[in-house]
C-alpha atoms as a PDB file:
ATOM      1  CA  MET A   1     -70.909 -42.282  28.019  1.00  0.00           C
ATOM      2  CA  PRO A   2     -69.357 -44.837  30.405  1.00  0.00           C
ATOM      3  CA  LYS A   3     -65.930 -46.171  29.534  1.00  0.00           C
ATOM      4  CA  ASN A   4     -66.759 -49.784  30.348  1.00  0.00           C
ATOM      5  CA  LYS A   5     -69.759 -50.075  28.058  1.00  0.00           C
ATOM      6  CA  MET A   6     -70.641 -53.669  27.220  1.00  0.00           C
ATOM      7  CA  ARG A   7     -70.917 -54.386  23.525  1.00  0.00           C
ATOM      8  CA  THR A   8     -72.932 -57.023  21.736  1.00  0.00           C
ATOM      9  CA  ARG A   9     -71.059 -59.516  19.577  1.00  0.00           C
ATOM     10  CA  LYS A  10     -72.842 -58.911  16.292  1.00  0.00           C
ATOM     11  CA  SER A  11     -71.895 -62.313  14.878  1.00  0.00           C
ATOM     12  CA  ALA A  12     -73.635 -64.003  17.816  1.00  0.00           C
ATOM     13  CA  ALA A  13     -76.639 -61.681  17.570  1.00  0.00           C
ATOM     14  CA  LYS A  14     -77.195 -62.730  13.964  1.00  0.00           C
ATOM     15  CA  ARG A  15     -77.167 -66.431  14.849  1.00  0.00           C
ATOM     16  CA  MET A  16     -78.870 -66.651  18.257  1.00  0.00           C
ATOM     17  CA  GLU A  17     -81.741 -65.066  20.121  1.00  0.00           C
ATOM     18  CA  TYR A  18     -83.386 -65.259  23.498  1.00  0.00           C
ATOM     19  CA  THR A  19     -86.713 -66.998  24.012  1.00  0.00           C
ATOM     20  CA  GLY A  20     -89.398 -65.562  26.232  1.00  0.00           C
ATOM     21  CA  THR A  21     -88.200 -67.637  29.179  1.00  0.00           C
ATOM     22  CA  GLY A  22     -84.551 -66.554  28.791  1.00  0.00           C
ATOM     23  CA  LYS A  23     -83.193 -69.626  27.020  1.00  0.00           C
ATOM     24  CA  ILE A  24     -81.083 -69.230  23.895  1.00  0.00           C
ATOM     25  CA  LYS A  25     -82.444 -70.425  20.570  1.00  0.00           C
ATOM     26  CA  PHE A  26     -80.279 -71.102  17.522  1.00  0.00           C
ATOM     27  CA  ARG A  27     -80.651 -72.553  14.051  1.00  0.00           C
ATOM     28  CA  SER A  28     -79.260 -75.989  13.356  1.00  0.00           C
ATOM     29  CA  ASN A  29     -76.299 -76.485  11.037  1.00  0.00           C
ATOM     30  CA  PHE A  30     -75.892 -79.030   8.174  1.00  0.00           C
ATOM     31  CA  ASN A  31     -78.981 -77.667   6.423  1.00  0.00           C
ATOM     32  CA  SER A  32     -77.646 -75.439   3.655  1.00  0.00           C
ATOM     33  CA  HIS A  33     -76.250 -77.700   0.918  1.00  0.00           C
ATOM     34  CA  LEU A  34     -75.809 -81.352  -0.094  1.00  0.00           C
ATOM     35  CA  LEU A  35     -79.463 -81.905   0.764  1.00  0.00           C
ATOM     36  CA  THR A  36     -80.165 -84.565  -1.865  1.00  0.00           C
ATOM     37  CA  ARG A  37     -78.395 -87.283   0.088  1.00  0.00           C
ATOM     38  CA  LYS A  38     -80.200 -86.479   3.348  1.00  0.00           C
ATOM     39  CA  SER A  39     -83.521 -88.069   4.146  1.00  0.00           C
ATOM     40  CA  SER A  40     -86.689 -86.008   4.394  1.00  0.00           C
ATOM     41  CA  THR A  41     -86.998 -86.773   8.108  1.00  0.00           C
ATOM     42  CA  ARG A  42     -83.466 -85.606   8.761  1.00  0.00           C
ATOM     43  CA  LYS A  43     -83.961 -82.395   6.794  1.00  0.00           C
ATOM     44  CA  ARG A  44     -87.242 -81.700   8.578  1.00  0.00           C
ATOM     45  CA  ASN A  45     -85.588 -82.129  11.982  1.00  0.00           C
ATOM     46  CA  LEU A  46     -82.723 -79.849  10.939  1.00  0.00           C
ATOM     47  CA  GLN A  47     -85.196 -77.054  10.115  1.00  0.00           C
ATOM     48  CA  MET A  48     -86.365 -76.799  13.711  1.00  0.00           C
ATOM     49  CA  ALA A  49     -84.700 -74.326  16.034  1.00  0.00           C
ATOM     50  CA  LYS A  50     -82.675 -75.801  18.864  1.00  0.00           C
ATOM     51  CA  ILE A  51     -82.235 -74.686  22.470  1.00  0.00           C
ATOM     52  CA  LEU A  52     -78.658 -74.169  23.616  1.00  0.00           C
ATOM     53  CA  SER A  53     -77.488 -76.307  26.526  1.00  0.00           C
ATOM     54  CA  PRO A  54     -77.177 -74.477  29.872  1.00  0.00           C
ATOM     55  CA  ASP A  55     -73.418 -74.989  30.169  1.00  0.00           C
ATOM     56  CA  LEU A  56     -72.807 -73.246  26.831  1.00  0.00           C
ATOM     57  CA  ALA A  57     -75.474 -70.615  27.459  1.00  0.00           C
ATOM     58  CA  ALA A  58     -73.354 -68.867  30.092  1.00  0.00           C
ATOM     59  CA  GLY A  59     -70.718 -67.973  27.513  1.00  0.00           C
ATOM     60  CA  VAL A  60     -73.279 -66.815  24.989  1.00  0.00           C
ATOM     61  CA  LYS A  61     -74.959 -64.560  27.547  1.00  0.00           C
ATOM     62  CA  THR A  62     -71.722 -62.594  27.803  1.00  0.00           C
ATOM     63  CA  MET A  63     -71.804 -62.143  24.018  1.00  0.00           C
ATOM     64  CA  LEU A  64     -75.451 -61.026  24.098  1.00  0.00           C
ATOM     65  CA  PRO A  65     -75.620 -58.873  27.237  1.00  0.00           C
ATOM     66  CA  TYR A  66     -78.745 -56.920  26.323  1.00  0.00           C
ATOM     67  CA  GLY A  67     -80.996 -59.738  25.178  1.00  0.00           C
ATOM     68  CA  GLN A  68     -80.625 -59.232  21.438  1.00  0.00           C
END
């Protein structure tokens, strides 16, 4: 067993995943409660998965080194 084994951040692995092309997909926030005051269009758009911007993706790739 190597001493410098890279470990996956489990909190990030539960919230994000890689797409087939290597981008990082995540679920939008603001969609769990207080939904009665939000419009149907807004709630529908919040349900869709989002793609992480490339400048933030570099940091997330260190948290998910093995493509979780």
